[in-house]
PDB file of N, CA and C in Angstrom:
ATOM      1  N   MET A   1     160.394  20.188 -78.579  1.00  0.00           N
ATOM      2  CA  MET A   1     161.305  20.874 -77.937  1.00  0.00           C
ATOM      3  C   MET A   1     162.466  19.914 -77.468  1.00  0.00           C
ATOM      4  N   ARG A   2     162.076  18.864 -76.880  1.00  0.00           N
ATOM      5  CA  ARG A   2     163.005  17.859 -76.332  1.00  0.00           C
ATOM      6  C   ARG A   2     163.750  17.251 -77.526  1.00  0.00           C
ATOM      7  N   ALA A   3     163.012  16.936 -78.665  1.00  0.00           N
ATOM      8  CA  ALA A   3     163.735  16.412 -79.862  1.00  0.00           C
ATOM      9  C   ALA A   3     164.814  17.457 -80.320  1.00  0.00           C
ATOM     10  N   LEU A   4     164.487  18.717 -80.410  1.00  0.00           N
ATOM     11  CA  LEU A   4     165.503  19.689 -80.823  1.00  0.00           C
ATOM     12  C   LEU A   4     166.734  19.758 -79.968  1.00  0.00           C
ATOM     13  N   LEU A   5     166.520  19.619 -78.707  1.00  0.00           N
ATOM     14  CA  LEU A   5     167.732  19.489 -77.768  1.00  0.00           C
ATOM     15  C   LEU A   5     168.522  18.456 -78.121  1.00  0.00           C
ATOM     16  N   LEU A   6     167.788  17.231 -78.369  1.00  0.00           N
ATOM     17  CA  LEU A   6     168.620  16.057 -78.622  1.00  0.00           C
ATOM     18  C   LEU A   6     169.462  16.115 -79.871  1.00  0.00           C
ATOM     19  N   ILE A   7     168.737  16.705 -80.958  1.00  0.00           N
ATOM     20  CA  ILE A   7     169.510  16.795 -82.193  1.00  0.00           C
ATOM     21  C   ILE A   7     170.564  17.688 -82.118  1.00  0.00           C
ATOM     22  N   ARG A   8     170.353  18.881 -81.382  1.00  0.00           N
ATOM     23  CA  ARG A   8     171.509  19.864 -81.176  1.00  0.00           C
ATOM     24  C   ARG A   8     172.655  19.332 -80.530  1.00  0.00           C
ATOM     25  N   TYR A   9     172.518  18.466 -79.399  1.00  0.00           N
ATOM     26  CA  TYR A   9     173.589  17.997 -78.650  1.00  0.00           C
ATOM     27  C   TYR A   9     173.881  16.529 -79.087  1.00  0.00           C
ATOM     28  N   PHE A  10     173.434  16.033 -80.122  1.00  0.00           N
ATOM     29  CA  PHE A  10     173.748  14.612 -80.499  1.00  0.00           C
ATOM     30  C   PHE A  10     175.153  14.283 -80.583  1.00  0.00           C
ATOM     31  N   PRO A  11     176.006  15.121 -81.289  1.00  0.00           N
ATOM     32  CA  PRO A  11     177.427  14.746 -81.322  1.00  0.00           C
ATOM     33  C   PRO A  11     178.034  14.703 -80.017  1.00  0.00           C
ATOM     34  N   LEU A  12     177.740  15.532 -79.056  1.00  0.00           N
ATOM     35  CA  LEU A  12     178.146  15.391 -77.724  1.00  0.00           C
ATOM     36  C   LEU A  12     177.739  14.180 -76.922  1.00  0.00           C
ATOM     37  N   ILE A  13     176.390  13.924 -77.085  1.00  0.00           N
ATOM     38  CA  ILE A  13     175.931  12.744 -76.525  1.00  0.00           C
ATOM     39  C   ILE A  13     176.549  11.420 -77.077  1.00  0.00           C
ATOM     40  N   LEU A  14     176.767  11.420 -78.336  1.00  0.00           N
ATOM     41  CA  LEU A  14     177.321  10.217 -78.990  1.00  0.00           C
ATOM     42  C   LEU A  14     178.820  10.112 -78.622  1.00  0.00           C
ATOM     43  N   SER A  15     179.631  11.131 -78.413  1.00  0.00           N
ATOM     44  CA  SER A  15     180.954  11.029 -78.074  1.00  0.00           C
ATOM     45  C   SER A  15     181.021  10.531 -76.567  1.00  0.00           C
ATOM     46  N   ALA A  16     179.978  11.045 -75.624  1.00  0.00           N
ATOM     47  CA  ALA A  16     180.077  10.567 -74.368  1.00  0.00           C
ATOM     48  C   ALA A  16     179.624   9.173 -74.213  1.00  0.00           C
ATOM     49  N   ILE A  17     178.795   8.632 -75.017  1.00  0.00           N
ATOM     50  CA  ILE A  17     178.414   7.197 -75.080  1.00  0.00           C
ATOM     51  C   ILE A  17     179.724   6.425 -75.580  1.00  0.00           C
ATOM     52  N   ARG A  18     180.344   6.760 -76.615  1.00  0.00           N
ATOM     53  CA  ARG A  18     181.529   6.167 -76.946  1.00  0.00           C
ATOM     54  C   ARG A  18     182.633   6.166 -75.961  1.00  0.00           C
ATOM     55  N   LEU A  19     182.813   7.189 -75.233  1.00  0.00           N
ATOM     56  CA  LEU A  19     183.866   7.288 -74.274  1.00  0.00           C
ATOM     57  C   LEU A  19     183.468   6.271 -73.008  1.00  0.00           C
ATOM     58  N   THR A  20     182.196   6.313 -72.595  1.00  0.00           N
ATOM     59  CA  THR A  20     181.702   5.504 -71.637  1.00  0.00           C
ATOM     60  C   THR A  20     181.829   4.015 -72.103  1.00  0.00           C
ATOM     61  N   TRP A  21     181.505   3.535 -73.209  1.00  0.00           N
ATOM     62  CA  TRP A  21     181.632   2.282 -73.678  1.00  0.00           C
ATOM     63  C   TRP A  21     183.063   1.713 -73.893  1.00  0.00           C
ATOM     64  N   GLY A  22     183.848   2.735 -74.278  1.00  0.00           N
ATOM     65  CA  GLY A  22     185.257   2.253 -74.323  1.00  0.00           C
ATOM     66  C   GLY A  22     185.932   2.033 -72.976  1.00  0.00           C
ATOM     67  N   LEU A  23     185.544   2.925 -71.929  1.00  0.00           N
ATOM     68  CA  LEU A  23     186.166   2.892 -70.661  1.00  0.00           C
ATOM     69  C   LEU A  23     185.479   1.626 -70.063  1.00  0.00           C
ATOM     70  N   PHE A  24     184.233   1.360 -70.310  1.00  0.00           N
ATOM     71  CA  PHE A  24     183.520   0.181 -69.699  1.00  0.00           C
ATOM     72  C   PHE A  24     184.118  -1.079 -70.126  1.00  0.00           C
ATOM     73  N   LEU A  25     184.470  -1.190 -71.287  1.00  0.00           N
ATOM     74  CA  LEU A  25     185.082  -2.529 -71.939  1.00  0.00           C
ATOM     75  C   LEU A  25     186.716  -2.574 -71.514  1.00  0.00           C
ATOM     76  N   ASP A  26     187.274  -1.475 -71.196  1.00  0.00           N
ATOM     77  CA  ASP A  26     188.624  -1.488 -70.813  1.00  0.00           C
ATOM     78  C   ASP A  26     188.956  -2.233 -69.504  1.00  0.00           C
ATOM     79  N   ARG A  27     189.892  -3.151 -69.488  1.00  0.00           N
ATOM     80  CA  ARG A  27     190.171  -3.984 -68.477  1.00  0.00           C
ATOM     81  C   ARG A  27     190.897  -3.296 -67.377  1.00  0.00           C
ATOM     82  N   ARG A  28     191.507  -2.255 -67.664  1.00  0.00           N
ATOM     83  CA  ARG A  28     192.245  -1.359 -66.616  1.00  0.00           C
ATOM     84  C   ARG A  28     191.404  -0.640 -65.756  1.00  0.00           C
ATOM     85  N   VAL A  29     189.980  -0.476 -66.101  1.00  0.00           N
ATOM     86  CA  VAL A  29     189.192   0.284 -65.231  1.00  0.00           C
ATOM     87  C   VAL A  29     188.625  -0.766 -64.159  1.00  0.00           C
ATOM     88  N   GLY A  30     188.528  -0.339 -62.923  1.00  0.00           N
ATOM     89  CA  GLY A  30     188.014  -1.282 -61.909  1.00  0.00           C
ATOM     90  C   GLY A  30     186.616  -1.649 -61.979  1.00  0.00           C
ATOM     91  N   ILE A  31     186.240  -2.808 -61.465  1.00  0.00           N
ATOM     92  CA  ILE A  31     184.868  -3.331 -61.574  1.00  0.00           C
ATOM     93  C   ILE A  31     183.863  -2.413 -60.794  1.00  0.00           C
ATOM     94  N   LYS A  32     184.311  -1.910 -59.591  1.00  0.00           N
ATOM     95  CA  LYS A  32     183.507  -1.091 -58.844  1.00  0.00           C
ATOM     96  C   LYS A  32     183.131   0.194 -59.523  1.00  0.00           C
ATOM     97  N   ILE A  33     184.076   0.710 -60.349  1.00  0.00           N
ATOM     98  CA  ILE A  33     183.828   1.940 -61.116  1.00  0.00           C
ATOM     99  C   ILE A  33     182.866   1.626 -62.245  1.00  0.00           C
ATOM    100  N   LYS A  34     182.876   0.485 -62.726  1.00  0.00           N
ATOM    101  CA  LYS A  34     182.240   0.169 -63.954  1.00  0.00           C
ATOM    102  C   LYS A  34     180.688  -0.074 -63.423  1.00  0.00           C
ATOM    103  N   LEU A  35     180.346  -0.114 -62.228  1.00  0.00           N
ATOM    104  CA  LEU A  35     179.015  -0.168 -61.709  1.00  0.00           C
ATOM    105  C   LEU A  35     178.270   1.152 -62.001  1.00  0.00           C
ATOM    106  N   LEU A  36     178.974   2.179 -62.100  1.00  0.00           N
ATOM    107  CA  LEU A  36     178.288   3.543 -62.158  1.00  0.00           C
ATOM    108  C   LEU A  36     177.499   3.709 -63.437  1.00  0.00           C
ATOM    109  N   PRO A  37     178.017   3.331 -64.683  1.00  0.00           N
ATOM    110  CA  PRO A  37     177.152   3.443 -65.897  1.00  0.00           C
ATOM    111  C   PRO A  37     175.965   2.479 -65.778  1.00  0.00           C
ATOM    112  N   ILE A  38     176.041   1.293 -65.196  1.00  0.00           N
ATOM    113  CA  ILE A  38     175.021   0.440 -65.020  1.00  0.00           C
ATOM    114  C   ILE A  38     173.942   1.034 -64.136  1.00  0.00           C
ATOM    115  N   LEU A  39     174.444   1.629 -63.110  1.00  0.00           N
ATOM    116  CA  LEU A  39     173.318   2.252 -62.204  1.00  0.00           C
ATOM    117  C   LEU A  39     172.648   3.467 -62.842  1.00  0.00           C
ATOM    118  N   ALA A  40     173.450   4.115 -63.716  1.00  0.00           N
ATOM    119  CA  ALA A  40     172.746   5.242 -64.565  1.00  0.00           C
ATOM    120  C   ALA A  40     171.669   4.725 -65.437  1.00  0.00           C
ATOM    121  N   ILE A  41     171.971   3.584 -66.152  1.00  0.00           N
ATOM    122  CA  ILE A  41     170.981   3.062 -67.087  1.00  0.00           C
ATOM    123  C   ILE A  41     169.723   2.439 -66.186  1.00  0.00           C
ATOM    124  N   ILE A  42     170.022   1.817 -65.030  1.00  0.00           N
ATOM    125  CA  ILE A  42     168.909   1.256 -64.250  1.00  0.00           C
ATOM    126  C   ILE A  42     167.981   2.413 -63.762  1.00  0.00           C
ATOM    127  N   TYR A  43     168.727   3.479 -63.250  1.00  0.00           N
ATOM    128  CA  TYR A  43     167.878   4.641 -62.816  1.00  0.00           C
ATOM    129  C   TYR A  43     166.942   5.307 -63.823  1.00  0.00           C
ATOM    130  N   VAL A  44     167.512   5.312 -65.124  1.00  0.00           N
ATOM    131  CA  VAL A  44     166.727   6.029 -66.118  1.00  0.00           C
ATOM    132  C   VAL A  44     165.607   5.136 -66.554  1.00  0.00           C
ATOM    133  N   LEU A  45     165.816   3.823 -66.502  1.00  0.00           N
ATOM    134  CA  LEU A  45     164.777   2.834 -66.887  1.00  0.00           C
ATOM    135  C   LEU A  45     163.894   2.404 -65.822  1.00  0.00           C
ATOM    136  N   SER A  46     164.230   2.686 -64.612  1.00  0.00           N
ATOM    137  CA  SER A  46     163.354   2.278 -63.481  1.00  0.00           C
ATOM    138  C   SER A  46     162.193   3.156 -63.323  1.00  0.00           C
ATOM    139  N   PRO A  47     161.057   2.724 -62.783  1.00  0.00           N
ATOM    140  CA  PRO A  47     159.973   3.599 -62.626  1.00  0.00           C
ATOM    141  C   PRO A  47     160.128   4.372 -61.364  1.00  0.00           C
ATOM    142  N   LEU A  48     160.909   4.030 -60.428  1.00  0.00           N
ATOM    143  CA  LEU A  48     161.168   4.895 -59.275  1.00  0.00           C
ATOM    144  C   LEU A  48     162.062   5.976 -59.539  1.00  0.00           C
ATOM    145  N   ASP A  49     161.636   7.185 -59.282  1.00  0.00           N
ATOM    146  CA  ASP A  49     162.372   8.470 -59.431  1.00  0.00           C
ATOM    147  C   ASP A  49     162.302   9.338 -58.251  1.00  0.00           C
ATOM    148  N   LEU A  50     163.213  10.183 -58.162  1.00  0.00           N
ATOM    149  CA  LEU A  50     163.157  11.328 -57.095  1.00  0.00           C
ATOM    150  C   LEU A  50     162.018  12.137 -57.357  1.00  0.00           C
ATOM    151  N   LEU A  51     161.762  12.486 -58.656  1.00  0.00           N
ATOM    152  CA  LEU A  51     160.615  13.315 -59.023  1.00  0.00           C
ATOM    153  C   LEU A  51     159.866  12.468 -60.155  1.00  0.00           C
ATOM    154  N   PRO A  52     158.576  12.255 -59.966  1.00  0.00           N
ATOM    155  CA  PRO A  52     157.946  11.423 -61.008  1.00  0.00           C
ATOM    156  C   PRO A  52     157.908  11.813 -62.417  1.00  0.00           C
ATOM    157  N   ASP A  53     157.928  11.017 -63.326  1.00  0.00           N
ATOM    158  CA  ASP A  53     157.877  11.366 -64.675  1.00  0.00           C
ATOM    159  C   ASP A  53     156.470  11.775 -65.175  1.00  0.00           C
ATOM    160  N   ILE A  54     155.510  11.891 -64.302  1.00  0.00           N
ATOM    161  CA  ILE A  54     154.206  12.333 -64.696  1.00  0.00           C
ATOM    162  C   ILE A  54     154.353  13.892 -64.897  1.00  0.00           C
ATOM    163  N   ILE A  55     155.057  14.586 -64.247  1.00  0.00           N
ATOM    164  CA  ILE A  55     155.384  15.989 -64.444  1.00  0.00           C
ATOM    165  C   ILE A  55     156.317  15.984 -65.619  1.00  0.00           C
ATOM    166  N   PRO A  56     155.860  16.528 -66.820  1.00  0.00           N
ATOM    167  CA  PRO A  56     156.597  16.385 -68.076  1.00  0.00           C
ATOM    168  C   PRO A  56     158.076  16.631 -68.081  1.00  0.00           C
ATOM    169  N   VAL A  57     158.470  17.845 -67.826  1.00  0.00           N
ATOM    170  CA  VAL A  57     159.762  18.267 -67.909  1.00  0.00           C
ATOM    171  C   VAL A  57     160.625  18.074 -66.795  1.00  0.00           C
ATOM    172  N   VAL A  58     160.056  18.200 -65.621  1.00  0.00           N
ATOM    173  CA  VAL A  58     160.858  18.058 -64.347  1.00  0.00           C
ATOM    174  C   VAL A  58     161.253  16.628 -64.094  1.00  0.00           C
ATOM    175  N   GLY A  59     160.393  15.769 -64.461  1.00  0.00           N
ATOM    176  CA  GLY A  59     160.817  14.277 -64.394  1.00  0.00           C
ATOM    177  C   GLY A  59     161.852  13.821 -65.206  1.00  0.00           C
ATOM    178  N   TRP A  60     161.885  14.373 -66.538  1.00  0.00           N
ATOM    179  CA  TRP A  60     163.007  14.092 -67.448  1.00  0.00           C
ATOM    180  C   TRP A  60     164.299  14.598 -66.971  1.00  0.00           C
ATOM    181  N   VAL A  61     164.157  15.919 -66.382  1.00  0.00           N
ATOM    182  CA  VAL A  61     165.413  16.551 -66.004  1.00  0.00           C
ATOM    183  C   VAL A  61     165.996  15.816 -64.715  1.00  0.00           C
ATOM    184  N   ASP A  62     165.178  15.442 -64.006  1.00  0.00           N
ATOM    185  CA  ASP A  62     165.625  14.496 -62.841  1.00  0.00           C
ATOM    186  C   ASP A  62     166.377  13.342 -63.329  1.00  0.00           C
ATOM    187  N   ASP A  63     166.084  12.713 -64.278  1.00  0.00           N
ATOM    188  CA  ASP A  63     166.692  11.538 -64.825  1.00  0.00           C
ATOM    189  C   ASP A  63     168.074  11.928 -65.462  1.00  0.00           C
ATOM    190  N   LEU A  64     167.894  13.068 -66.107  1.00  0.00           N
ATOM    191  CA  LEU A  64     169.190  13.594 -66.804  1.00  0.00           C
ATOM    192  C   LEU A  64     170.241  13.996 -65.807  1.00  0.00           C
ATOM    193  N   ILE A  65     169.881  14.644 -64.743  1.00  0.00           N
ATOM    194  CA  ILE A  65     170.822  15.067 -63.751  1.00  0.00           C
ATOM    195  C   ILE A  65     171.342  13.827 -62.972  1.00  0.00           C
ATOM    196  N   VAL A  66     170.617  12.916 -62.660  1.00  0.00           N
ATOM    197  CA  VAL A  66     171.052  11.713 -61.914  1.00  0.00           C
ATOM    198  C   VAL A  66     171.980  10.894 -62.844  1.00  0.00           C
ATOM    199  N   ALA A  67     171.548  10.552 -63.957  1.00  0.00           N
ATOM    200  CA  ALA A  67     172.305   9.763 -64.965  1.00  0.00           C
ATOM    201  C   ALA A  67     173.597  10.506 -65.355  1.00  0.00           C
ATOM    202  N   GLY A  68     173.511  11.702 -65.575  1.00  0.00           N
ATOM    203  CA  GLY A  68     174.555  12.520 -66.013  1.00  0.00           C
ATOM    204  C   GLY A  68     175.639  12.671 -64.913  1.00  0.00           C
ATOM    205  N   GLY A  69     175.109  12.666 -63.633  1.00  0.00           N
ATOM    206  CA  GLY A  69     176.079  12.860 -62.455  1.00  0.00           C
ATOM    207  C   GLY A  69     176.742  11.483 -62.242  1.00  0.00           C
ATOM    208  N   LEU A  70     176.062  10.361 -62.452  1.00  0.00           N
ATOM    209  CA  LEU A  70     176.732   9.065 -62.334  1.00  0.00           C
ATOM    210  C   LEU A  70     177.741   8.867 -63.399  1.00  0.00           C
ATOM    211  N   LEU A  71     177.449   9.334 -64.544  1.00  0.00           N
ATOM    212  CA  LEU A  71     178.385   9.227 -65.683  1.00  0.00           C
ATOM    213  C   LEU A  71     179.674  10.151 -65.448  1.00  0.00           C
ATOM    214  N   LEU A  72     179.429  11.324 -64.954  1.00  0.00           N
ATOM    215  CA  LEU A  72     180.422  12.269 -64.633  1.00  0.00           C
ATOM    216  C   LEU A  72     181.399  11.722 -63.547  1.00  0.00           C
ATOM    217  N   LEU A  73     180.800  10.998 -62.547  1.00  0.00           N
ATOM    218  CA  LEU A  73     181.606  10.396 -61.530  1.00  0.00           C
ATOM    219  C   LEU A  73     182.289   9.331 -62.111  1.00  0.00           C
ATOM    220  N   PHE A  74     181.739   8.565 -63.052  1.00  0.00           N
ATOM    221  CA  PHE A  74     182.525   7.528 -63.775  1.00  0.00           C
ATOM    222  C   PHE A  74     183.702   8.068 -64.469  1.00  0.00           C
ATOM    223  N   PHE A  75     183.557   9.067 -65.122  1.00  0.00           N
ATOM    224  CA  PHE A  75     184.783   9.700 -65.794  1.00  0.00           C
ATOM    225  C   PHE A  75     185.779  10.151 -64.888  1.00  0.00           C
ATOM    226  N   ILE A  76     185.386  10.776 -63.679  1.00  0.00           N
ATOM    227  CA  ILE A  76     186.281  11.246 -62.753  1.00  0.00           C
ATOM    228  C   ILE A  76     186.967  10.168 -61.974  1.00  0.00           C
ATOM    229  N   LEU A  77     186.364   8.996 -61.690  1.00  0.00           N
ATOM    230  CA  LEU A  77     187.053   7.926 -60.953  1.00  0.00           C
ATOM    231  C   LEU A  77     187.812   6.987 -61.949  1.00  0.00           C
ATOM    232  N   ALA A  78     187.499   6.935 -63.176  1.00  0.00           N
ATOM    233  CA  ALA A  78     188.216   6.174 -63.968  1.00  0.00           C
ATOM    234  C   ALA A  78     189.732   6.720 -64.013  1.00  0.00           C
ATOM    235  N   PRO A  79     190.712   5.896 -64.318  1.00  0.00           N
ATOM    236  CA  PRO A  79     192.112   6.394 -64.360  1.00  0.00           C
ATOM    237  C   PRO A  79     192.311   7.440 -65.456  1.00  0.00           C
ATOM    238  N   HIS A  80     192.767   8.498 -64.988  1.00  0.00           N
ATOM    239  CA  HIS A  80     192.925   9.908 -65.781  1.00  0.00           C
ATOM    240  C   HIS A  80     193.567   9.574 -67.108  1.00  0.00           C
ATOM    241  N   ASP A  81     194.640   8.802 -67.136  1.00  0.00           N
ATOM    242  CA  ASP A  81     195.434   8.552 -68.331  1.00  0.00           C
ATOM    243  C   ASP A  81     194.466   7.721 -69.481  1.00  0.00           C
ATOM    244  N   LEU A  82     193.722   6.851 -68.879  1.00  0.00           N
ATOM    245  CA  LEU A  82     192.722   6.159 -69.790  1.00  0.00           C
ATOM    246  C   LEU A  82     191.761   6.904 -70.382  1.00  0.00           C
ATOM    247  N   VAL A  83     191.181   7.894 -69.643  1.00  0.00           N
ATOM    248  CA  VAL A  83     190.158   8.854 -70.139  1.00  0.00           C
ATOM    249  C   VAL A  83     190.757   9.741 -71.221  1.00  0.00           C
ATOM    250  N   LEU A  84     191.961  10.206 -70.978  1.00  0.00           N
ATOM    251  CA  LEU A  84     192.609  10.991 -72.117  1.00  0.00           C
ATOM    252  C   LEU A  84     193.025  10.278 -73.301  1.00  0.00           C
ATOM    253  N   GLU A  85     193.422   8.984 -73.038  1.00  0.00           N
ATOM    254  CA  GLU A  85     193.693   8.107 -74.176  1.00  0.00           C
ATOM    255  C   GLU A  85     192.494   7.824 -75.061  1.00  0.00           C
ATOM    256  N   ARG A  86     191.228   7.609 -74.427  1.00  0.00           N
ATOM    257  CA  ARG A  86     190.014   7.399 -75.131  1.00  0.00           C
ATOM    258  C   ARG A  86     189.556   8.596 -75.872  1.00  0.00           C
ATOM    259  N   ILE A  87     189.764   9.762 -75.288  1.00  0.00           N
ATOM    260  CA  ILE A  87     189.344  11.043 -75.903  1.00  0.00           C
ATOM    261  C   ILE A  87     190.137  11.411 -77.078  1.00  0.00           C
ATOM    262  N   ARG A  88     191.397  11.172 -76.984  1.00  0.00           N
ATOM    263  CA  ARG A  88     192.275  11.278 -78.108  1.00  0.00           C
ATOM    264  C   ARG A  88     192.162  10.341 -79.250  1.00  0.00           C
ATOM    265  N   GLY A  89     191.518   9.223 -78.934  1.00  0.00           N
ATOM    266  CA  GLY A  89     191.274   8.174 -79.972  1.00  0.00           C
ATOM    267  C   GLY A  89     192.443   7.144 -79.923  1.00  0.00           C
ATOM    268  N   GLU A  90     193.212   7.141 -78.977  1.00  0.00           N
ATOM    269  CA  GLU A  90     194.312   6.156 -78.977  1.00  0.00           C
ATOM    270  C   GLU A  90     193.963   4.802 -78.313  1.00  0.00           C
ATOM    271  N   GLY A  91     192.787   4.762 -77.835  1.00  0.00           N
ATOM    272  CA  GLY A  91     192.395   3.566 -77.073  1.00  0.00           C
ATOM    273  C   GLY A  91     191.878   2.402 -77.909  1.00  0.00           C
ATOM    274  N   ASN A  92     191.925   2.580 -79.231  1.00  0.00           N
ATOM    275  CA  ASN A  92     191.512   1.438 -79.937  1.00  0.00           C
ATOM    276  C   ASN A  92     192.648   0.413 -80.338  1.00  0.00           C
ATOM    277  N   THR A  93     193.164  -0.165 -79.295  1.00  0.00           N
ATOM    278  CA  THR A  93     194.253  -1.087 -79.389  1.00  0.00           C
ATOM    279  C   THR A  93     193.888  -2.470 -79.768  1.00  0.00           C
ATOM    280  N   ASP A  94     192.511  -2.665 -79.729  1.00  0.00           N
ATOM    281  CA  ASP A  94     192.005  -3.971 -80.072  1.00  0.00           C
ATOM    282  C   ASP A  94     192.111  -4.393 -81.488  1.00  0.00           C
ATOM    283  N   ARG A  95     191.979  -3.456 -82.315  1.00  0.00           N
ATOM    284  CA  ARG A  95     191.987  -3.696 -83.787  1.00  0.00           C
ATOM    285  C   ARG A  95     193.242  -3.115 -84.419  1.00  0.00           C
ATOM    286  N   TYR A  96     193.579  -3.678 -85.519  1.00  0.00           N
ATOM    287  CA  TYR A  96     194.883  -3.161 -86.214  1.00  0.00           C
ATOM    288  C   TYR A  96     194.364  -2.142 -87.221  1.00  0.00           C
ATOM    289  N   GLU A  97     195.091  -0.963 -87.181  1.00  0.00           N
ATOM    290  CA  GLU A  97     194.807   0.168 -87.956  1.00  0.00           C
ATOM    291  C   GLU A  97     196.098   0.412 -88.756  1.00  0.00           C
ATOM    292  N   PRO A  98     196.181   0.348 -90.193  1.00  0.00           N
ATOM    293  CA  PRO A  98     197.334   0.654 -90.863  1.00  0.00           C
ATOM    294  C   PRO A  98     197.895   2.119 -90.616  1.00  0.00           C
ATOM    295  N   PRO A  99     199.320   2.196 -90.549  1.00  0.00           N
ATOM    296  CA  PRO A  99     199.707   3.494 -90.335  1.00  0.00           C
ATOM    297  C   PRO A  99     199.406   4.481 -91.482  1.00  0.00           C
ATOM    298  N   ASP A 100     199.328   5.751 -91.159  1.00  0.00           N
ATOM    299  CA  ASP A 100     199.110   6.827 -92.144  1.00  0.00           C
ATOM    300  C   ASP A 100     200.306   6.999 -92.979  1.00  0.00           C
ATOM    301  N   GLU A 101     200.105   7.733 -94.128  1.00  0.00           N
ATOM    302  CA  GLU A 101     201.264   7.919 -95.105  1.00  0.00           C
ATOM    303  C   GLU A 101     202.307   8.866 -94.476  1.00  0.00           C
ATOM    304  N   GLU A 102     201.845   9.699 -93.579  1.00  0.00           N
ATOM    305  CA  GLU A 102     202.690  10.692 -93.002  1.00  0.00           C
ATOM    306  C   GLU A 102     203.409  10.142 -91.729  1.00  0.00           C
ATOM    307  N   GLY A 103     203.407   8.824 -91.453  1.00  0.00           N
ATOM    308  CA  GLY A 103     204.001   8.334 -90.322  1.00  0.00           C
ATOM    309  C   GLY A 103     205.500   8.315 -90.374  1.00  0.00           C
ATOM    310  N   GLN A 104     206.226   7.860 -89.331  1.00  0.00           N
ATOM    311  CA  GLN A 104     207.561   7.940 -89.406  1.00  0.00           C
ATOM    312  C   GLN A 104     208.202   6.735 -89.962  1.00  0.00           C
ATOM    313  N   THR A 105     209.343   6.748 -90.633  1.00  0.00           N
ATOM    314  CA  THR A 105     209.810   5.643 -91.259  1.00  0.00           C
ATOM    315  C   THR A 105     210.935   5.161 -90.406  1.00  0.00           C
ATOM    316  N   VAL A 106     211.064   3.865 -90.301  1.00  0.00           N
ATOM    317  CA  VAL A 106     212.038   3.135 -89.403  1.00  0.00           C
ATOM    318  C   VAL A 106     213.097   2.571 -90.290  1.00  0.00           C
ATOM    319  N   ASP A 107     214.325   2.979 -90.159  1.00  0.00           N
ATOM    320  CA  ASP A 107     215.367   2.452 -90.927  1.00  0.00           C
ATOM    321  C   ASP A 107     216.033   1.290 -90.298  1.00  0.00           C
ATOM    322  N   GLY A 108     216.365   0.241 -91.009  1.00  0.00           N
ATOM    323  CA  GLY A 108     216.864  -0.903 -90.386  1.00  0.00           C
ATOM    324  C   GLY A 108     217.755  -1.707 -91.365  1.00  0.00           C
ATOM    325  N   THR A 109     218.506  -2.696 -90.893  1.00  0.00           N
ATOM    326  CA  THR A 109     219.215  -3.555 -91.682  1.00  0.00           C
ATOM    327  C   THR A 109     218.744  -4.992 -91.503  1.00  0.00           C
ATOM    328  N   PHE A 110     219.142  -5.854 -92.417  1.00  0.00           N
ATOM    329  CA  PHE A 110     218.713  -7.303 -92.368  1.00  0.00           C
ATOM    330  C   PHE A 110     219.914  -8.179 -92.859  1.00  0.00           C
ATOM    331  N   ARG A 111     219.887  -9.381 -92.489  1.00  0.00           N
ATOM    332  CA  ARG A 111     220.828 -10.287 -92.827  1.00  0.00           C
ATOM    333  C   ARG A 111     220.155 -11.707 -93.002  1.00  0.00           C
ATOM    334  N   TYR A 112     220.851 -12.552 -93.952  1.00  0.00           N
ATOM    335  CA  TYR A 112     220.337 -13.849 -94.147  1.00  0.00           C
ATOM    336  C   TYR A 112     220.836 -14.693 -93.123  1.00  0.00           C
ATOM    337  N   THR A 113     219.986 -15.665 -92.601  1.00  0.00           N
ATOM    338  CA  THR A 113     220.426 -16.608 -91.558  1.00  0.00           C
ATOM    339  C   THR A 113     220.852 -17.796 -92.063  1.00  0.00           C
ATOM    340  N   ASN A 114     220.549 -18.130 -93.397  1.00  0.00           N
ATOM    341  CA  ASN A 114     221.077 -19.417 -94.049  1.00  0.00           C
ATOM    342  C   ASN A 114     222.249 -18.937 -94.999  1.00  0.00           C
ATOM    343  N   GLU A 115     223.114 -19.777 -95.309  1.00  0.00           N
ATOM    344  CA  GLU A 115     224.146 -19.500 -96.174  1.00  0.00           C
ATOM    345  C   GLU A 115     223.608 -19.079 -97.632  1.00  0.00           C
ATOM    346  N   ASP A 116     222.622 -19.791 -98.082  1.00  0.00           N
ATOM    347  CA  ASP A 116     222.080 -19.623 -99.377  1.00  0.00           C
ATOM    348  C   ASP A 116     221.044 -18.382 -99.411  1.00  0.00           C
ATOM    349  N   PRO A 117     221.287 -17.261-100.096  1.00  0.00           N
ATOM    350  CA  PRO A 117     220.122 -16.318-100.120  1.00  0.00           C
ATOM    351  C   PRO A 117     219.037 -16.755-100.934  1.00  0.00           C
ATOM    352  N   PRO A 118     217.851 -16.272-100.724  1.00  0.00           N
ATOM    353  CA  PRO A 118     216.586 -16.649-101.353  1.00  0.00           C
ATOM    354  C   PRO A 118     216.767 -16.162-102.833  1.00  0.00           C
ATOM    355  N   ARG A 119     216.059 -16.946-103.686  1.00  0.00           N
ATOM    356  CA  ARG A 119     216.212 -16.663-105.139  1.00  0.00           C
ATOM    357  C   ARG A 119     214.947 -15.904-105.651  1.00  0.00           C
TER     358      ARG A 119
END
């Protein structure tokens, strides 16, 4: 049952992980805000829980609610324009991506700086 839910919501989980990672690596997000995903990971991995994991479903739901709440708080407290930039896919400024074929063409002129034109 748990595996079926993970498979069904895998694209959503993957996009949330990508968004979290992108915002976590972005220098424009404050250090205090970046502590929230770290706290979420620590809470999920720690043996201390609000409800123990001995109870099969309730213990997992407890981890999911606390970690999800911390990540939601991370998305809310991060700068709004950065979150939208990452969701739209515009946040990959670290690497070069060639322009698409339907991009805009820039018209321009040039001139030779030396008296002799190149051959």
